[in-house]
C-alpha cells in the first residue's frame, strides 16, 4: 500500500552546486552522496525540517538517464512514494494505470541507505514515479 510522499527527485548537472542552492531553503545532506552504477546515476538526499525530502539526481555517464530532463530544462525529475509492498503496488499501477517500468524493481545492497528496493514507473501522461520500500 502506498504510504505517502517519500521525496521529490531533482535533476542535477552539479550536485555540489544544487546542494548549496537548496541550503538557502534550509536543506542539508542526509547522508553522503552515493553512486548507483547500475542505474548510471549519482544521488544526494537532502532534508529540511517539515519540508519534503529532496533527492538530487545526476548522471554518472555523459548521456545518462537524467540527460533528457536537463536538456529540456526541467529540474523536477520524479515524485517518489513510499510503499510497504513494492511488487504489489508496482503491479497495480501497471494493471490499473497502464504504467510501465522505466527501471525495474532494484534491491539496494549497500548499507548506506534506508531504502530496501526501488523502481521507476513511467505513466502514459509522461509522469515518472519512483516507488521505494524501506528496510525493516
C-alpha atoms as a PDB file:
ATOM      1  CA  UNK A   1       0.000   0.000   0.000  1.00  0.00           C
ATOM      2  CA  UNK A   2       1.241   3.496  -0.858  1.00  0.00           C
ATOM      3  CA  UNK A   3       2.045   5.271   2.409  1.00  0.00           C
ATOM      4  CA  UNK A   4       2.783   8.781   1.152  1.00  0.00           C
ATOM      5  CA  UNK A   5       5.323  11.033  -0.495  1.00  0.00           C
ATOM      6  CA  UNK A   6       8.891   9.963   0.286  1.00  0.00           C
ATOM      7  CA  UNK A   7      10.821  12.587  -1.701  1.00  0.00           C
ATOM      8  CA  UNK A   8      10.944  14.735  -4.827  1.00  0.00           C
ATOM      9  CA  UNK A   9      13.644  13.914  -7.370  1.00  0.00           C
ATOM     10  CA  UNK A  10      15.533  16.882  -8.805  1.00  0.00           C
ATOM     11  CA  UNK A  11      17.611  16.594 -11.998  1.00  0.00           C
ATOM     12  CA  UNK A  12      21.090  17.980 -11.380  1.00  0.00           C
ATOM     13  CA  UNK A  13      24.113  18.809 -13.505  1.00  0.00           C
ATOM     14  CA  UNK A  14      26.212  19.530 -10.415  1.00  0.00           C
ATOM     15  CA  UNK A  15      25.171  18.071  -7.058  1.00  0.00           C
ATOM     16  CA  UNK A  16      27.508  20.308  -5.035  1.00  0.00           C
ATOM     17  CA  UNK A  17      26.091  23.500  -6.596  1.00  0.00           C
ATOM     18  CA  UNK A  18      22.494  22.317  -6.218  1.00  0.00           C
ATOM     19  CA  UNK A  19      23.122  21.322  -2.597  1.00  0.00           C
ATOM     20  CA  UNK A  20      24.416  24.837  -1.907  1.00  0.00           C
ATOM     21  CA  UNK A  21      21.340  26.312  -3.638  1.00  0.00           C
ATOM     22  CA  UNK A  22      18.894  24.271  -1.531  1.00  0.00           C
ATOM     23  CA  UNK A  23      20.773  25.148   1.670  1.00  0.00           C
ATOM     24  CA  UNK A  24      19.258  28.613   1.122  1.00  0.00           C
ATOM     25  CA  UNK A  25      15.892  26.971   1.899  1.00  0.00           C
ATOM     26  CA  UNK A  26      17.123  25.124   4.979  1.00  0.00           C
ATOM     27  CA  UNK A  27      18.104  21.824   3.315  1.00  0.00           C
ATOM     28  CA  UNK A  28      21.148  19.797   4.373  1.00  0.00           C
ATOM     29  CA  UNK A  29      22.565  16.461   3.184  1.00  0.00           C
ATOM     30  CA  UNK A  30      21.025  13.453   4.968  1.00  0.00           C
ATOM     31  CA  UNK A  31      23.975  11.158   4.253  1.00  0.00           C
ATOM     32  CA  UNK A  32      26.997  11.009   1.977  1.00  0.00           C
ATOM     33  CA  UNK A  33      26.464  11.271  -1.768  1.00  0.00           C
ATOM     34  CA  UNK A  34      26.293   7.833  -3.362  1.00  0.00           C
ATOM     35  CA  UNK A  35      26.598   6.278  -6.798  1.00  0.00           C
ATOM     36  CA  UNK A  36      24.343   3.679  -8.383  1.00  0.00           C
ATOM     37  CA  UNK A  37      26.431   2.313 -11.255  1.00  0.00           C
ATOM     38  CA  UNK A  38      23.629   0.024 -12.448  1.00  0.00           C
ATOM     39  CA  UNK A  39      21.229   2.978 -12.854  1.00  0.00           C
ATOM     40  CA  UNK A  40      24.051   5.262 -14.126  1.00  0.00           C
ATOM     41  CA  UNK A  41      23.279   7.945 -11.519  1.00  0.00           C
ATOM     42  CA  UNK A  42      24.778   9.719  -8.516  1.00  0.00           C
ATOM     43  CA  UNK A  43      22.362  10.827  -5.793  1.00  0.00           C
ATOM     44  CA  UNK A  44      22.326  13.104  -2.761  1.00  0.00           C
ATOM     45  CA  UNK A  45      19.365  13.156  -0.378  1.00  0.00           C
ATOM     46  CA  UNK A  46      18.573  16.462   1.326  1.00  0.00           C
ATOM     47  CA  UNK A  47      16.208  17.168   4.195  1.00  0.00           C
ATOM     48  CA  UNK A  48      14.876  20.296   5.888  1.00  0.00           C
ATOM     49  CA  UNK A  49      12.544  20.023   8.852  1.00  0.00           C
ATOM     50  CA  UNK A  50       8.900  19.828   7.822  1.00  0.00           C
ATOM     51  CA  UNK A  51       9.614  20.186   4.103  1.00  0.00           C
ATOM     52  CA  UNK A  52       9.563  17.287   1.618  1.00  0.00           C
ATOM     53  CA  UNK A  53      12.879  15.474   1.282  1.00  0.00           C
ATOM     54  CA  UNK A  54      14.741  16.042  -1.984  1.00  0.00           C
ATOM     55  CA  UNK A  55      16.896  13.665  -3.999  1.00  0.00           C
ATOM     56  CA  UNK A  56      19.398  15.358  -6.287  1.00  0.00           C
ATOM     57  CA  UNK A  57      19.999  13.017  -9.234  1.00  0.00           C
ATOM     58  CA  UNK A  58      22.947  13.437 -11.609  1.00  0.00           C
ATOM     59  CA  UNK A  59      24.270  11.297 -14.444  1.00  0.00           C
ATOM     60  CA  UNK A  60      27.369   9.206 -13.948  1.00  0.00           C
ATOM     61  CA  UNK A  61      27.997   8.991 -17.694  1.00  0.00           C
ATOM     62  CA  UNK A  62      27.732  11.856 -20.154  1.00  0.00           C
ATOM     63  CA  UNK A  63      24.386  10.692 -21.571  1.00  0.00           C
ATOM     64  CA  UNK A  64      22.784   9.105 -18.505  1.00  0.00           C
ATOM     65  CA  UNK A  65      19.079   8.891 -17.659  1.00  0.00           C
ATOM     66  CA  UNK A  66      18.830  12.468 -16.380  1.00  0.00           C
ATOM     67  CA  UNK A  67      20.022  13.972 -19.694  1.00  0.00           C
ATOM     68  CA  UNK A  68      16.573  14.402 -21.310  1.00  0.00           C
ATOM     69  CA  UNK A  69      15.335  16.372 -18.296  1.00  0.00           C
ATOM     70  CA  UNK A  70      18.402  18.588 -18.209  1.00  0.00           C
ATOM     71  CA  UNK A  71      18.251  19.196 -21.965  1.00  0.00           C
ATOM     72  CA  UNK A  72      14.562  20.143 -21.654  1.00  0.00           C
ATOM     73  CA  UNK A  73      15.476  22.425 -18.715  1.00  0.00           C
ATOM     74  CA  UNK A  74      13.225  20.504 -16.321  1.00  0.00           C
ATOM     75  CA  UNK A  75      14.531  20.254 -12.768  1.00  0.00           C
ATOM     76  CA  UNK A  76      11.670  18.149 -11.367  1.00  0.00           C
ATOM     77  CA  UNK A  77      12.641  14.593 -12.298  1.00  0.00           C
ATOM     78  CA  UNK A  78      10.158  12.468 -10.349  1.00  0.00           C
ATOM     79  CA  UNK A  79       7.955  12.090  -7.287  1.00  0.00           C
ATOM     80  CA  UNK A  80       8.794   9.149  -5.045  1.00  0.00           C
ATOM     81  CA  UNK A  81       6.218   7.388  -2.913  1.00  0.00           C
ATOM     82  CA  UNK A  82       6.876   5.035  -0.029  1.00  0.00           C
ATOM     83  CA  UNK A  83       5.237   1.629  -0.195  1.00  0.00           C
ATOM     84  CA  UNK A  84       5.152  -1.341   2.148  1.00  0.00           C
ATOM     85  CA  UNK A  85       4.871  -3.786  -0.806  1.00  0.00           C
ATOM     86  CA  UNK A  86       6.743  -2.542  -3.863  1.00  0.00           C
ATOM     87  CA  UNK A  87       5.926  -5.562  -6.029  1.00  0.00           C
ATOM     88  CA  UNK A  88       2.172  -5.383  -5.411  1.00  0.00           C
ATOM     89  CA  UNK A  89       1.966  -1.602  -5.821  1.00  0.00           C
ATOM     90  CA  UNK A  90       4.076  -1.583  -8.990  1.00  0.00           C
ATOM     91  CA  UNK A  91       1.907  -4.307 -10.493  1.00  0.00           C
ATOM     92  CA  UNK A  92      -1.255  -2.429  -9.511  1.00  0.00           C
ATOM     93  CA  UNK A  93      -0.006   0.706 -11.300  1.00  0.00           C
ATOM     94  CA  UNK A  94       0.879  -1.329 -14.377  1.00  0.00           C
ATOM     95  CA  UNK A  95      -2.532  -3.034 -14.400  1.00  0.00           C
ATOM     96  CA  UNK A  96      -4.725  -0.071 -13.488  1.00  0.00           C
ATOM     97  CA  UNK A  97      -2.836   2.928 -14.886  1.00  0.00           C
ATOM     98  CA  UNK A  98      -1.013   1.357 -17.862  1.00  0.00           C
ATOM     99  CA  UNK A  99       2.311   2.343 -16.315  1.00  0.00           C
ATOM    100  CA  UNK A 100       5.484   0.611 -17.452  1.00  0.00           C
ATOM    101  CA  UNK A 101       8.835   0.081 -15.801  1.00  0.00           C
ATOM    102  CA  UNK A 102      11.419   2.695 -16.682  1.00  0.00           C
ATOM    103  CA  UNK A 103      13.763   0.965 -14.216  1.00  0.00           C
ATOM    104  CA  UNK A 104      12.649  -2.400 -12.816  1.00  0.00           C
ATOM    105  CA  UNK A 105      12.498  -3.173  -9.110  1.00  0.00           C
ATOM    106  CA  UNK A 106      16.048  -2.916  -7.827  1.00  0.00           C
ATOM    107  CA  UNK A 107      17.258  -4.147  -4.437  1.00  0.00           C
ATOM    108  CA  UNK A 108      19.642  -1.805  -2.577  1.00  0.00           C
ATOM    109  CA  UNK A 109      22.611  -3.892  -1.500  1.00  0.00           C
ATOM    110  CA  UNK A 110      24.724  -1.375   0.406  1.00  0.00           C
ATOM    111  CA  UNK A 111      24.191  -0.243   3.962  1.00  0.00           C
ATOM    112  CA  UNK A 112      24.340   3.495   3.213  1.00  0.00           C
ATOM    113  CA  UNK A 113      20.605   3.846   2.619  1.00  0.00           C
ATOM    114  CA  UNK A 114      17.408   3.019   4.482  1.00  0.00           C
ATOM    115  CA  UNK A 115      15.853   2.051   1.144  1.00  0.00           C
ATOM    116  CA  UNK A 116      15.407  -1.692   0.611  1.00  0.00           C
ATOM    117  CA  UNK A 117      14.146  -1.575  -3.001  1.00  0.00           C
ATOM    118  CA  UNK A 118      13.105   0.983  -5.595  1.00  0.00           C
ATOM    119  CA  UNK A 119      11.817   1.271  -9.147  1.00  0.00           C
ATOM    120  CA  UNK A 120      10.827   3.941 -11.641  1.00  0.00           C
ATOM    121  CA  UNK A 121       7.490   3.766 -13.420  1.00  0.00           C
ATOM    122  CA  UNK A 122       6.530   5.820 -16.479  1.00  0.00           C
ATOM    123  CA  UNK A 123       2.868   6.695 -16.857  1.00  0.00           C
ATOM    124  CA  UNK A 124       1.005   7.469 -20.065  1.00  0.00           C
ATOM    125  CA  UNK A 125       0.939  11.175 -19.146  1.00  0.00           C
ATOM    126  CA  UNK A 126       4.796  11.048 -19.139  1.00  0.00           C
ATOM    127  CA  UNK A 127       4.980  11.356 -15.345  1.00  0.00           C
ATOM    128  CA  UNK A 128       7.817   9.431 -13.719  1.00  0.00           C
ATOM    129  CA  UNK A 129       7.045   7.983 -10.299  1.00  0.00           C
ATOM    130  CA  UNK A 130       9.544   6.185  -8.113  1.00  0.00           C
ATOM    131  CA  UNK A 131       8.351   3.625  -5.596  1.00  0.00           C
ATOM    132  CA  UNK A 132      10.555   2.989  -2.580  1.00  0.00           C
ATOM    133  CA  UNK A 133      10.253   0.264   0.024  1.00  0.00           C
ATOM    134  CA  UNK A 134      12.193   0.954   3.216  1.00  0.00           C
ATOM    135  CA  UNK A 135      14.213  -1.522   5.251  1.00  0.00           C
ATOM    136  CA  UNK A 136      12.732  -3.061   8.376  1.00  0.00           C
END
